[in-house]
Amino acid sequence: MGGSLGSPVSPMLLFSEDRIRVAILLSAGLRPLGWLPEADPVNFLPRMKIPTLMVTGKYDTLLPVELAQQPLFRKLGTATKDKRHVILPTGHGVQGPEVRNQLAGEVLDWLDRYLGRL
């Protein structure tokens, strides 16, 4: 699970690590940061195939829905049936008290679906 800057960095790690079976990206989106091509998340997203839940904020001004969130989600190499984008009624901080229960429900449902109950 990665949040904010951890979300775009995660594809570099997740596409090549067989031990990780599911991904959860919080407050995720693409933002030009002057990455070198060998480290640019855009080049790794199509290679990321594991089930991925992306939870973002509708009012996120750092990573707006249309400009940053949706492009990241579309570029994921994960099969359509195994990826989900949830947009909560909040800003960049999707872990805030006003949406904490929604976030927890989405994350736990996703983990139950792909990892099963312990």
PDB file of N, CA and C in Angstrom:
ATOM      1  N   MET A   1       0.859  -1.169   0.000  1.00  0.00           N
ATOM      2  CA  MET A   1       0.000   0.000   0.000  1.00  0.00           C
ATOM      3  C   MET A   1       0.901   1.225   0.000  1.00  0.00           C
ATOM      4  N   GLY A   2       0.631   2.129  -0.930  1.00  0.00           N
ATOM      5  CA  GLY A   2       1.411   3.355  -1.022  1.00  0.00           C
ATOM      6  C   GLY A   2       0.494   4.545  -1.089  1.00  0.00           C
ATOM      7  N   GLY A   3       0.913   5.644  -0.496  1.00  0.00           N
ATOM      8  CA  GLY A   3       0.105   6.843  -0.505  1.00  0.00           C
ATOM      9  C   GLY A   3       0.849   8.019  -1.090  1.00  0.00           C
ATOM     10  N   SER A   4       0.116   8.880  -1.787  1.00  0.00           N
ATOM     11  CA  SER A   4       0.622  10.097  -2.382  1.00  0.00           C
ATOM     12  C   SER A   4       1.843   9.790  -3.252  1.00  0.00           C
ATOM     13  N   LEU A   5       3.024  10.285  -2.912  1.00  0.00           N
ATOM     14  CA  LEU A   5       4.210  10.035  -3.733  1.00  0.00           C
ATOM     15  C   LEU A   5       4.567   8.547  -3.779  1.00  0.00           C
ATOM     16  N   GLY A   6       4.185   7.794  -2.757  1.00  0.00           N
ATOM     17  CA  GLY A   6       4.426   6.352  -2.763  1.00  0.00           C
ATOM     18  C   GLY A   6       3.631   5.624  -3.824  1.00  0.00           C
ATOM     19  N   SER A   7       2.552   6.223  -4.293  1.00  0.00           N
ATOM     20  CA  SER A   7       1.728   5.576  -5.317  1.00  0.00           C
ATOM     21  C   SER A   7       2.383   5.561  -6.696  1.00  0.00           C
ATOM     22  N   PRO A   8       2.871   6.699  -7.201  1.00  0.00           N
ATOM     23  CA  PRO A   8       3.508   6.613  -8.515  1.00  0.00           C
ATOM     24  C   PRO A   8       4.838   5.874  -8.488  1.00  0.00           C
ATOM     25  N   VAL A   9       5.489   5.844  -7.351  1.00  0.00           N
ATOM     26  CA  VAL A   9       6.759   5.120  -7.243  1.00  0.00           C
ATOM     27  C   VAL A   9       6.526   3.607  -7.200  1.00  0.00           C
ATOM     28  N   SER A  10       5.383   3.192  -6.708  1.00  0.00           N
ATOM     29  CA  SER A  10       5.118   1.764  -6.500  1.00  0.00           C
ATOM     30  C   SER A  10       5.183   0.892  -7.755  1.00  0.00           C
ATOM     31  N   PRO A  11       4.776   1.348  -8.947  1.00  0.00           N
ATOM     32  CA  PRO A  11       4.852   0.445 -10.104  1.00  0.00           C
ATOM     33  C   PRO A  11       6.252  -0.085 -10.387  1.00  0.00           C
ATOM     34  N   MET A  12       7.276   0.704 -10.086  1.00  0.00           N
ATOM     35  CA  MET A  12       8.652   0.252 -10.302  1.00  0.00           C
ATOM     36  C   MET A  12       8.965  -0.970  -9.443  1.00  0.00           C
ATOM     37  N   LEU A  13       8.361  -1.020  -8.281  1.00  0.00           N
ATOM     38  CA  LEU A  13       8.607  -2.133  -7.371  1.00  0.00           C
ATOM     39  C   LEU A  13       7.646  -3.289  -7.611  1.00  0.00           C
ATOM     40  N   LEU A  14       6.388  -2.958  -7.881  1.00  0.00           N
ATOM     41  CA  LEU A  14       5.343  -3.979  -7.925  1.00  0.00           C
ATOM     42  C   LEU A  14       5.369  -4.855  -9.181  1.00  0.00           C
ATOM     43  N   PHE A  15       5.798  -4.322 -10.301  1.00  0.00           N
ATOM     44  CA  PHE A  15       5.749  -5.144 -11.516  1.00  0.00           C
ATOM     45  C   PHE A  15       6.794  -6.253 -11.496  1.00  0.00           C
ATOM     46  N   SER A  16       7.837  -6.073 -10.729  1.00  0.00           N
ATOM     47  CA  SER A  16       8.914  -7.063 -10.754  1.00  0.00           C
ATOM     48  C   SER A  16       8.986  -7.947  -9.508  1.00  0.00           C
ATOM     49  N   GLU A  17       8.129  -7.717  -8.540  1.00  0.00           N
ATOM     50  CA  GLU A  17       8.188  -8.474  -7.288  1.00  0.00           C
ATOM     51  C   GLU A  17       7.057  -9.499  -7.231  1.00  0.00           C
ATOM     52  N   ASP A  18       7.397 -10.763  -7.394  1.00  0.00           N
ATOM     53  CA  ASP A  18       6.400 -11.833  -7.435  1.00  0.00           C
ATOM     54  C   ASP A  18       5.725 -12.111  -6.098  1.00  0.00           C
ATOM     55  N   ARG A  19       6.351 -11.722  -5.002  1.00  0.00           N
ATOM     56  CA  ARG A  19       5.776 -12.006  -3.679  1.00  0.00           C
ATOM     57  C   ARG A  19       4.585 -11.122  -3.353  1.00  0.00           C
ATOM     58  N   ILE A  20       4.448  -9.992  -4.022  1.00  0.00           N
ATOM     59  CA  ILE A  20       3.342  -9.074  -3.761  1.00  0.00           C
ATOM     60  C   ILE A  20       2.194  -9.432  -4.697  1.00  0.00           C
ATOM     61  N   ARG A  21       1.022  -9.711  -4.116  1.00  0.00           N
ATOM     62  CA  ARG A  21      -0.109 -10.213  -4.901  1.00  0.00           C
ATOM     63  C   ARG A  21      -1.206  -9.203  -5.126  1.00  0.00           C
ATOM     64  N   VAL A  22      -1.174  -8.066  -4.442  1.00  0.00           N
ATOM     65  CA  VAL A  22      -2.233  -7.068  -4.557  1.00  0.00           C
ATOM     66  C   VAL A  22      -1.645  -5.694  -4.218  1.00  0.00           C
ATOM     67  N   ALA A  23      -2.198  -4.641  -4.846  1.00  0.00           N
ATOM     68  CA  ALA A  23      -1.715  -3.285  -4.587  1.00  0.00           C
ATOM     69  C   ALA A  23      -2.875  -2.381  -4.199  1.00  0.00           C
ATOM     70  N   ILE A  24      -2.583  -1.438  -3.313  1.00  0.00           N
ATOM     71  CA  ILE A  24      -3.547  -0.413  -2.933  1.00  0.00           C
ATOM     72  C   ILE A  24      -2.820   0.925  -3.023  1.00  0.00           C
ATOM     73  N   LEU A  25      -3.328   1.800  -3.890  1.00  0.00           N
ATOM     74  CA  LEU A  25      -2.726   3.108  -4.101  1.00  0.00           C
ATOM     75  C   LEU A  25      -3.656   4.173  -3.529  1.00  0.00           C
ATOM     76  N   LEU A  26      -3.172   4.953  -2.580  1.00  0.00           N
ATOM     77  CA  LEU A  26      -3.966   5.992  -1.932  1.00  0.00           C
ATOM     78  C   LEU A  26      -3.496   7.368  -2.399  1.00  0.00           C
ATOM     79  N   SER A  27      -4.435   8.246  -2.697  1.00  0.00           N
ATOM     80  CA  SER A  27      -4.113   9.605  -3.160  1.00  0.00           C
ATOM     81  C   SER A  27      -3.139   9.558  -4.328  1.00  0.00           C
ATOM     82  N   ALA A  28      -3.435   8.711  -5.284  1.00  0.00           N
ATOM     83  CA  ALA A  28      -2.518   8.455  -6.395  1.00  0.00           C
ATOM     84  C   ALA A  28      -2.830   9.317  -7.601  1.00  0.00           C
ATOM     85  N   GLY A  29      -1.815   9.501  -8.414  1.00  0.00           N
ATOM     86  CA  GLY A  29      -1.972  10.210  -9.671  1.00  0.00           C
ATOM     87  C   GLY A  29      -0.620  10.438 -10.312  1.00  0.00           C
ATOM     88  N   LEU A  30      -0.651  10.772 -11.588  1.00  0.00           N
ATOM     89  CA  LEU A  30       0.584  11.078 -12.304  1.00  0.00           C
ATOM     90  C   LEU A  30       0.809  12.581 -12.280  1.00  0.00           C
ATOM     91  N   ARG A  31       2.045  12.941 -12.025  1.00  0.00           N
ATOM     92  CA  ARG A  31       2.416  14.354 -11.991  1.00  0.00           C
ATOM     93  C   ARG A  31       3.835  14.464 -12.522  1.00  0.00           C
ATOM     94  N   PRO A  32       4.050  15.322 -13.521  1.00  0.00           N
ATOM     95  CA  PRO A  32       5.412  15.442 -14.050  1.00  0.00           C
ATOM     96  C   PRO A  32       6.366  15.983 -12.994  1.00  0.00           C
ATOM     97  N   LEU A  33       7.358  15.185 -12.667  1.00  0.00           N
ATOM     98  CA  LEU A  33       8.332  15.589 -11.647  1.00  0.00           C
ATOM     99  C   LEU A  33       9.756  15.582 -12.189  1.00  0.00           C
ATOM    100  N   GLY A  34       9.907  15.472 -13.493  1.00  0.00           N
ATOM    101  CA  GLY A  34      11.240  15.445 -14.080  1.00  0.00           C
ATOM    102  C   GLY A  34      11.958  14.126 -13.886  1.00  0.00           C
ATOM    103  N   TRP A  35      11.174  13.032 -13.850  1.00  0.00           N
ATOM    104  CA  TRP A  35      11.766  11.698 -13.684  1.00  0.00           C
ATOM    105  C   TRP A  35      12.693  11.391 -14.861  1.00  0.00           C
ATOM    106  N   LEU A  36      13.753  10.681 -14.615  1.00  0.00           N
ATOM    107  CA  LEU A  36      14.541  10.101 -15.696  1.00  0.00           C
ATOM    108  C   LEU A  36      13.720   8.974 -16.307  1.00  0.00           C
ATOM    109  N   PRO A  37      13.866   8.704 -17.614  1.00  0.00           N
ATOM    110  CA  PRO A  37      13.035   7.668 -18.242  1.00  0.00           C
ATOM    111  C   PRO A  37      13.101   6.321 -17.544  1.00  0.00           C
ATOM    112  N   GLU A  38      14.261   5.956 -17.038  1.00  0.00           N
ATOM    113  CA  GLU A  38      14.395   4.656 -16.386  1.00  0.00           C
ATOM    114  C   GLU A  38      13.712   4.598 -15.029  1.00  0.00           C
ATOM    115  N   ALA A  39      13.252   5.737 -14.511  1.00  0.00           N
ATOM    116  CA  ALA A  39      12.549   5.763 -13.231  1.00  0.00           C
ATOM    117  C   ALA A  39      11.157   6.383 -13.345  1.00  0.00           C
ATOM    118  N   ASP A  40      10.732   6.752 -14.542  1.00  0.00           N
ATOM    119  CA  ASP A  40       9.433   7.399 -14.728  1.00  0.00           C
ATOM    120  C   ASP A  40       8.311   6.374 -14.565  1.00  0.00           C
ATOM    121  N   PRO A  41       7.379   6.608 -13.639  1.00  0.00           N
ATOM    122  CA  PRO A  41       6.284   5.663 -13.418  1.00  0.00           C
ATOM    123  C   PRO A  41       5.484   5.344 -14.679  1.00  0.00           C
ATOM    124  N   VAL A  42       5.390   6.282 -15.602  1.00  0.00           N
ATOM    125  CA  VAL A  42       4.645   6.062 -16.851  1.00  0.00           C
ATOM    126  C   VAL A  42       5.175   4.840 -17.586  1.00  0.00           C
ATOM    127  N   ASN A  43       6.465   4.598 -17.495  1.00  0.00           N
ATOM    128  CA  ASN A  43       7.073   3.464 -18.201  1.00  0.00           C
ATOM    129  C   ASN A  43       6.874   2.136 -17.488  1.00  0.00           C
ATOM    130  N   PHE A  44       6.432   2.165 -16.250  1.00  0.00           N
ATOM    131  CA  PHE A  44       6.240   0.942 -15.476  1.00  0.00           C
ATOM    132  C   PHE A  44       4.771   0.561 -15.311  1.00  0.00           C
ATOM    133  N   LEU A  45       3.875   1.541 -15.384  1.00  0.00           N
ATOM    134  CA  LEU A  45       2.448   1.265 -15.166  1.00  0.00           C
ATOM    135  C   LEU A  45       1.893   0.177 -16.079  1.00  0.00           C
ATOM    136  N   PRO A  46       2.192   0.168 -17.386  1.00  0.00           N
ATOM    137  CA  PRO A  46       1.647  -0.898 -18.238  1.00  0.00           C
ATOM    138  C   PRO A  46       2.151  -2.296 -17.857  1.00  0.00           C
ATOM    139  N   ARG A  47       3.285  -2.370 -17.173  1.00  0.00           N
ATOM    140  CA  ARG A  47       3.857  -3.655 -16.775  1.00  0.00           C
ATOM    141  C   ARG A  47       3.299  -4.162 -15.452  1.00  0.00           C
ATOM    142  N   MET A  48       2.586  -3.312 -14.751  1.00  0.00           N
ATOM    143  CA  MET A  48       2.012  -3.679 -13.455  1.00  0.00           C
ATOM    144  C   MET A  48       0.707  -4.431 -13.702  1.00  0.00           C
ATOM    145  N   LYS A  49       0.664  -5.707 -13.366  1.00  0.00           N
ATOM    146  CA  LYS A  49      -0.465  -6.573 -13.708  1.00  0.00           C
ATOM    147  C   LYS A  49      -1.259  -7.063 -12.501  1.00  0.00           C
ATOM    148  N   ILE A  50      -0.799  -6.801 -11.291  1.00  0.00           N
ATOM    149  CA  ILE A  50      -1.478  -7.347 -10.118  1.00  0.00           C
ATOM    150  C   ILE A  50      -2.766  -6.586  -9.826  1.00  0.00           C
ATOM    151  N   PRO A  51      -3.722  -7.221  -9.152  1.00  0.00           N
ATOM    152  CA  PRO A  51      -4.963  -6.534  -8.782  1.00  0.00           C
ATOM    153  C   PRO A  51      -4.648  -5.244  -8.012  1.00  0.00           C
ATOM    154  N   THR A  52      -5.272  -4.146  -8.438  1.00  0.00           N
ATOM    155  CA  THR A  52      -4.946  -2.840  -7.876  1.00  0.00           C
ATOM    156  C   THR A  52      -6.201  -2.053  -7.529  1.00  0.00           C
ATOM    157  N   LEU A  53      -6.269  -1.619  -6.286  1.00  0.00           N
ATOM    158  CA  LEU A  53      -7.306  -0.705  -5.817  1.00  0.00           C
ATOM    159  C   LEU A  53      -6.669   0.669  -5.705  1.00  0.00           C
ATOM    160  N   MET A  54      -7.310   1.662  -6.293  1.00  0.00           N
ATOM    161  CA  MET A  54      -6.824   3.035  -6.213  1.00  0.00           C
ATOM    162  C   MET A  54      -7.915   3.872  -5.548  1.00  0.00           C
ATOM    163  N   VAL A  55      -7.593   4.504  -4.431  1.00  0.00           N
ATOM    164  CA  VAL A  55      -8.554   5.323  -3.693  1.00  0.00           C
ATOM    165  C   VAL A  55      -8.025   6.753  -3.684  1.00  0.00           C
ATOM    166  N   THR A  56      -8.836   7.669  -4.230  1.00  0.00           N
ATOM    167  CA  THR A  56      -8.405   9.052  -4.371  1.00  0.00           C
ATOM    168  C   THR A  56      -9.500  10.006  -3.911  1.00  0.00           C
ATOM    169  N   GLY A  57      -9.173  11.298  -3.886  1.00  0.00           N
ATOM    170  CA  GLY A  57     -10.117  12.317  -3.472  1.00  0.00           C
ATOM    171  C   GLY A  57     -10.685  13.095  -4.646  1.00  0.00           C
ATOM    172  N   LYS A  58     -11.972  13.318  -4.612  1.00  0.00           N
ATOM    173  CA  LYS A  58     -12.664  14.066  -5.660  1.00  0.00           C
ATOM    174  C   LYS A  58     -12.166  15.513  -5.738  1.00  0.00           C
ATOM    175  N   TYR A  59     -11.794  16.075  -4.595  1.00  0.00           N
ATOM    176  CA  TYR A  59     -11.390  17.479  -4.532  1.00  0.00           C
ATOM    177  C   TYR A  59      -9.875  17.640  -4.361  1.00  0.00           C
ATOM    178  N   ASP A  60      -9.122  16.660  -4.800  1.00  0.00           N
ATOM    179  CA  ASP A  60      -7.663  16.685  -4.690  1.00  0.00           C
ATOM    180  C   ASP A  60      -7.104  17.737  -5.644  1.00  0.00           C
ATOM    181  N   THR A  61      -6.487  18.778  -5.097  1.00  0.00           N
ATOM    182  CA  THR A  61      -5.908  19.821  -5.945  1.00  0.00           C
ATOM    183  C   THR A  61      -4.463  19.513  -6.336  1.00  0.00           C
ATOM    184  N   LEU A  62      -3.806  18.631  -5.609  1.00  0.00           N
ATOM    185  CA  LEU A  62      -2.445  18.223  -5.976  1.00  0.00           C
ATOM    186  C   LEU A  62      -2.453  17.247  -7.142  1.00  0.00           C
ATOM    187  N   LEU A  63      -3.407  16.314  -7.128  1.00  0.00           N
ATOM    188  CA  LEU A  63      -3.540  15.301  -8.175  1.00  0.00           C
ATOM    189  C   LEU A  63      -5.010  15.251  -8.599  1.00  0.00           C
ATOM    190  N   PRO A  64      -5.430  16.205  -9.458  1.00  0.00           N
ATOM    191  CA  PRO A  64      -6.835  16.271  -9.874  1.00  0.00           C
ATOM    192  C   PRO A  64      -7.303  15.014 -10.597  1.00  0.00           C
ATOM    193  N   VAL A  65      -8.584  14.718 -10.475  1.00  0.00           N
ATOM    194  CA  VAL A  65      -9.164  13.492 -11.036  1.00  0.00           C
ATOM    195  C   VAL A  65      -8.844  13.355 -12.523  1.00  0.00           C
ATOM    196  N   GLU A  66      -9.236  14.337 -13.325  1.00  0.00           N
ATOM    197  CA  GLU A  66      -9.087  14.211 -14.780  1.00  0.00           C
ATOM    198  C   GLU A  66      -7.640  14.331 -15.248  1.00  0.00           C
ATOM    199  N   LEU A  67      -6.848  15.130 -14.582  1.00  0.00           N
ATOM    200  CA  LEU A  67      -5.487  15.409 -15.048  1.00  0.00           C
ATOM    201  C   LEU A  67      -4.430  14.439 -14.529  1.00  0.00           C
ATOM    202  N   ALA A  68      -4.659  13.846 -13.373  1.00  0.00           N
ATOM    203  CA  ALA A  68      -3.621  13.020 -12.759  1.00  0.00           C
ATOM    204  C   ALA A  68      -4.093  11.618 -12.382  1.00  0.00           C
ATOM    205  N   GLN A  69      -5.288  11.520 -11.771  1.00  0.00           N
ATOM    206  CA  GLN A  69      -5.763  10.226 -11.285  1.00  0.00           C
ATOM    207  C   GLN A  69      -6.178   9.294 -12.416  1.00  0.00           C
ATOM    208  N   GLN A  70      -7.053   9.776 -13.283  1.00  0.00           N
ATOM    209  CA  GLN A  70      -7.546   8.918 -14.360  1.00  0.00           C
ATOM    210  C   GLN A  70      -6.441   8.477 -15.324  1.00  0.00           C
ATOM    211  N   PRO A  71      -5.478   9.356 -15.691  1.00  0.00           N
ATOM    212  CA  PRO A  71      -4.386   8.877 -16.542  1.00  0.00           C
ATOM    213  C   PRO A  71      -3.578   7.739 -15.912  1.00  0.00           C
ATOM    214  N   LEU A  72      -3.299   7.833 -14.615  1.00  0.00           N
ATOM    215  CA  LEU A  72      -2.580   6.747 -13.942  1.00  0.00           C
ATOM    216  C   LEU A  72      -3.400   5.463 -14.007  1.00  0.00           C
ATOM    217  N   PHE A  73      -4.675   5.561 -13.677  1.00  0.00           N
ATOM    218  CA  PHE A  73      -5.532   4.376 -13.647  1.00  0.00           C
ATOM    219  C   PHE A  73      -5.639   3.727 -15.035  1.00  0.00           C
ATOM    220  N   ARG A  74      -5.805   4.542 -16.064  1.00  0.00           N
ATOM    221  CA  ARG A  74      -5.914   4.008 -17.439  1.00  0.00           C
ATOM    222  C   ARG A  74      -4.635   3.308 -17.889  1.00  0.00           C
ATOM    223  N   LYS A  75      -3.489   3.789 -17.444  1.00  0.00           N
ATOM    224  CA  LYS A  75      -2.207   3.219 -17.879  1.00  0.00           C
ATOM    225  C   LYS A  75      -1.832   1.924 -17.159  1.00  0.00           C
ATOM    226  N   LEU A  76      -2.520   1.599 -16.075  1.00  0.00           N
ATOM    227  CA  LEU A  76      -2.233   0.348 -15.360  1.00  0.00           C
ATOM    228  C   LEU A  76      -2.403  -0.841 -16.297  1.00  0.00           C
ATOM    229  N   GLY A  77      -1.464  -1.747 -16.268  1.00  0.00           N
ATOM    230  CA  GLY A  77      -1.548  -2.953 -17.094  1.00  0.00           C
ATOM    231  C   GLY A  77      -2.455  -4.025 -16.512  1.00  0.00           C
ATOM    232  N   THR A  78      -2.998  -3.777 -15.350  1.00  0.00           N
ATOM    233  CA  THR A  78      -3.902  -4.716 -14.687  1.00  0.00           C
ATOM    234  C   THR A  78      -5.170  -4.897 -15.518  1.00  0.00           C
ATOM    235  N   ALA A  79      -5.661  -6.136 -15.593  1.00  0.00           N
ATOM    236  CA  ALA A  79      -6.912  -6.410 -16.304  1.00  0.00           C
ATOM    237  C   ALA A  79      -8.038  -5.579 -15.705  1.00  0.00           C
ATOM    238  N   THR A  80      -8.963  -5.127 -16.552  1.00  0.00           N
ATOM    239  CA  THR A  80     -10.067  -4.269 -16.118  1.00  0.00           C
ATOM    240  C   THR A  80     -10.826  -4.862 -14.941  1.00  0.00           C
ATOM    241  N   LYS A  81     -11.053  -6.160 -14.954  1.00  0.00           N
ATOM    242  CA  LYS A  81     -11.819  -6.794 -13.879  1.00  0.00           C
ATOM    243  C   LYS A  81     -11.057  -6.814 -12.552  1.00  0.00           C
ATOM    244  N   ASP A  82      -9.743  -6.598 -12.604  1.00  0.00           N
ATOM    245  CA  ASP A  82      -8.909  -6.668 -11.403  1.00  0.00           C
ATOM    246  C   ASP A  82      -8.376  -5.312 -10.943  1.00  0.00           C
ATOM    247  N   LYS A  83      -8.992  -4.239 -11.442  1.00  0.00           N
ATOM    248  CA  LYS A  83      -8.594  -2.918 -10.952  1.00  0.00           C
ATOM    249  C   LYS A  83      -9.845  -2.097 -10.671  1.00  0.00           C
ATOM    250  N   ARG A  84      -9.732  -1.238  -9.661  1.00  0.00           N
ATOM    251  CA  ARG A  84     -10.884  -0.440  -9.227  1.00  0.00           C
ATOM    252  C   ARG A  84     -10.391   0.931  -8.779  1.00  0.00           C
ATOM    253  N   HIS A  85     -11.083   1.968  -9.229  1.00  0.00           N
ATOM    254  CA  HIS A  85     -10.773   3.339  -8.820  1.00  0.00           C
ATOM    255  C   HIS A  85     -11.958   3.884  -8.032  1.00  0.00           C
ATOM    256  N   VAL A  86     -11.732   4.158  -6.764  1.00  0.00           N
ATOM    257  CA  VAL A  86     -12.757   4.709  -5.874  1.00  0.00           C
ATOM    258  C   VAL A  86     -12.402   6.168  -5.615  1.00  0.00           C
ATOM    259  N   ILE A  87     -13.359   7.066  -5.858  1.00  0.00           N
ATOM    260  CA  ILE A  87     -13.143   8.489  -5.631  1.00  0.00           C
ATOM    261  C   ILE A  87     -14.019   8.921  -4.454  1.00  0.00           C
ATOM    262  N   LEU A  88     -13.361   9.287  -3.358  1.00  0.00           N
ATOM    263  CA  LEU A  88     -14.073   9.680  -2.142  1.00  0.00           C
ATOM    264  C   LEU A  88     -14.295  11.191  -2.112  1.00  0.00           C
ATOM    265  N   PRO A  89     -15.331  11.659  -1.396  1.00  0.00           N
ATOM    266  CA  PRO A  89     -15.630  13.086  -1.328  1.00  0.00           C
ATOM    267  C   PRO A  89     -14.698  13.823  -0.360  1.00  0.00           C
ATOM    268  N   THR A  90     -13.444  13.921  -0.739  1.00  0.00           N
ATOM    269  CA  THR A  90     -12.424  14.563   0.097  1.00  0.00           C
ATOM    270  C   THR A  90     -11.334  15.125  -0.805  1.00  0.00           C
ATOM    271  N   GLY A  91     -10.319  15.729  -0.210  1.00  0.00           N
ATOM    272  CA  GLY A  91      -9.185  16.254  -0.949  1.00  0.00           C
ATOM    273  C   GLY A  91      -8.093  15.205  -1.093  1.00  0.00           C
ATOM    274  N   HIS A  92      -6.856  15.659  -1.006  1.00  0.00           N
ATOM    275  CA  HIS A  92      -5.714  14.756  -1.197  1.00  0.00           C
ATOM    276  C   HIS A  92      -5.582  13.740  -0.064  1.00  0.00           C
ATOM    277  N   GLY A  93      -6.025  14.089   1.112  1.00  0.00           N
ATOM    278  CA  GLY A  93      -5.891  13.194   2.270  1.00  0.00           C
ATOM    279  C   GLY A  93      -7.058  12.225   2.388  1.00  0.00           C
ATOM    280  N   VAL A  94      -6.956  11.088   1.735  1.00  0.00           N
ATOM    281  CA  VAL A  94      -8.062  10.116   1.750  1.00  0.00           C
ATOM    282  C   VAL A  94      -8.130   9.314   3.052  1.00  0.00           C
ATOM    283  N   GLN A  95      -7.258   9.626   3.991  1.00  0.00           N
ATOM    284  CA  GLN A  95      -7.265   8.927   5.272  1.00  0.00           C
ATOM    285  C   GLN A  95      -7.860   9.784   6.386  1.00  0.00           C
ATOM    286  N   GLY A  96      -8.480  10.898   6.012  1.00  0.00           N
ATOM    287  CA  GLY A  96      -9.055  11.811   7.002  1.00  0.00           C
ATOM    288  C   GLY A  96     -10.275  11.230   7.688  1.00  0.00           C
ATOM    289  N   PRO A  97     -10.655  11.800   8.825  1.00  0.00           N
ATOM    290  CA  PRO A  97     -11.769  11.251   9.613  1.00  0.00           C
ATOM    291  C   PRO A  97     -13.101  11.233   8.871  1.00  0.00           C
ATOM    292  N   GLU A  98     -13.320  12.167   7.945  1.00  0.00           N
ATOM    293  CA  GLU A  98     -14.602  12.222   7.250  1.00  0.00           C
ATOM    294  C   GLU A  98     -14.813  11.067   6.269  1.00  0.00           C
ATOM    295  N   VAL A  99     -13.737  10.418   5.856  1.00  0.00           N
ATOM    296  CA  VAL A  99     -13.869   9.300   4.903  1.00  0.00           C
ATOM    297  C   VAL A  99     -13.175   8.029   5.389  1.00  0.00           C
ATOM    298  N   ARG A 100     -12.688   8.050   6.602  1.00  0.00           N
ATOM    299  CA  ARG A 100     -11.912   6.915   7.130  1.00  0.00           C
ATOM    300  C   ARG A 100     -12.682   5.597   7.055  1.00  0.00           C
ATOM    301  N   ASN A 101     -13.961   5.601   7.416  1.00  0.00           N
ATOM    302  CA  ASN A 101     -14.748   4.367   7.386  1.00  0.00           C
ATOM    303  C   ASN A 101     -14.943   3.856   5.959  1.00  0.00           C
ATOM    304  N   GLN A 102     -15.185   4.772   5.012  1.00  0.00           N
ATOM    305  CA  GLN A 102     -15.316   4.370   3.609  1.00  0.00           C
ATOM    306  C   GLN A 102     -14.011   3.758   3.107  1.00  0.00           C
ATOM    307  N   LEU A 103     -12.908   4.411   3.425  1.00  0.00           N
ATOM    308  CA  LEU A 103     -11.601   3.916   3.010  1.00  0.00           C
ATOM    309  C   LEU A 103     -11.343   2.527   3.577  1.00  0.00           C
ATOM    310  N   ALA A 104     -11.579   2.371   4.871  1.00  0.00           N
ATOM    311  CA  ALA A 104     -11.347   1.075   5.519  1.00  0.00           C
ATOM    312  C   ALA A 104     -12.201  -0.012   4.874  1.00  0.00           C
ATOM    313  N   GLY A 105     -13.466   0.283   4.590  1.00  0.00           N
ATOM    314  CA  GLY A 105     -14.351  -0.693   3.960  1.00  0.00           C
ATOM    315  C   GLY A 105     -13.853  -1.107   2.581  1.00  0.00           C
ATOM    316  N   GLU A 106     -13.445  -0.139   1.774  1.00  0.00           N
ATOM    317  CA  GLU A 106     -12.935  -0.445   0.427  1.00  0.00           C
ATOM    318  C   GLU A 106     -11.664  -1.299   0.491  1.00  0.00           C
ATOM    319  N   VAL A 107     -10.746  -0.900   1.358  1.00  0.00           N
ATOM    320  CA  VAL A 107      -9.472  -1.631   1.473  1.00  0.00           C
ATOM    321  C   VAL A 107      -9.700  -3.051   1.976  1.00  0.00           C
ATOM    322  N   LEU A 108     -10.495  -3.212   3.027  1.00  0.00           N
ATOM    323  CA  LEU A 108     -10.738  -4.548   3.573  1.00  0.00           C
ATOM    324  C   LEU A 108     -11.478  -5.439   2.580  1.00  0.00           C
ATOM    325  N   ASP A 109     -12.462  -4.882   1.876  1.00  0.00           N
ATOM    326  CA  ASP A 109     -13.169  -5.660   0.844  1.00  0.00           C
ATOM    327  C   ASP A 109     -12.205  -6.117  -0.244  1.00  0.00           C
ATOM    328  N   TRP A 110     -11.301  -5.231  -0.654  1.00  0.00           N
ATOM    329  CA  TRP A 110     -10.330  -5.560  -1.706  1.00  0.00           C
ATOM    330  C   TRP A 110      -9.394  -6.668  -1.245  1.00  0.00           C
ATOM    331  N   LEU A 111      -8.892  -6.539  -0.036  1.00  0.00           N
ATOM    332  CA  LEU A 111      -7.980  -7.559   0.487  1.00  0.00           C
ATOM    333  C   LEU A 111      -8.697  -8.898   0.671  1.00  0.00           C
ATOM    334  N   ASP A 112      -9.938  -8.866   1.146  1.00  0.00           N
ATOM    335  CA  ASP A 112     -10.712 -10.109   1.267  1.00  0.00           C
ATOM    336  C   ASP A 112     -10.901 -10.758  -0.105  1.00  0.00           C
ATOM    337  N   ARG A 113     -11.192  -9.954  -1.093  1.00  0.00           N
ATOM    338  CA  ARG A 113     -11.448 -10.481  -2.443  1.00  0.00           C
ATOM    339  C   ARG A 113     -10.209 -11.155  -3.036  1.00  0.00           C
ATOM    340  N   TYR A 114      -9.052 -10.546  -2.862  1.00  0.00           N
ATOM    341  CA  TYR A 114      -7.854 -11.068  -3.521  1.00  0.00           C
ATOM    342  C   TYR A 114      -6.926 -11.878  -2.627  1.00  0.00           C
ATOM    343  N   LEU A 115      -7.028 -11.719  -1.339  1.00  0.00           N
ATOM    344  CA  LEU A 115      -6.150 -12.474  -0.445  1.00  0.00           C
ATOM    345  C   LEU A 115      -6.928 -13.455   0.422  1.00  0.00           C
ATOM    346  N   GLY A 116      -8.250 -13.327   0.446  1.00  0.00           N
ATOM    347  CA  GLY A 116      -9.075 -14.215   1.253  1.00  0.00           C
ATOM    348  C   GLY A 116      -9.019 -13.852   2.720  1.00  0.00           C
ATOM    349  N   ARG A 117      -9.937 -14.417   3.439  1.00  0.00           N
ATOM    350  CA  ARG A 117      -9.978 -14.175   4.882  1.00  0.00           C
ATOM    351  C   ARG A 117      -9.006 -15.109   5.587  1.00  0.00           C
ATOM    352  N   LEU A 118      -8.374 -14.580   6.606  1.00  0.00           N
ATOM    353  CA  LEU A 118      -7.413 -15.397   7.379  1.00  0.00           C
ATOM    354  C   LEU A 118      -8.134 -16.247   8.395  1.00  0.00           C
TER     355      LEU A 118
END
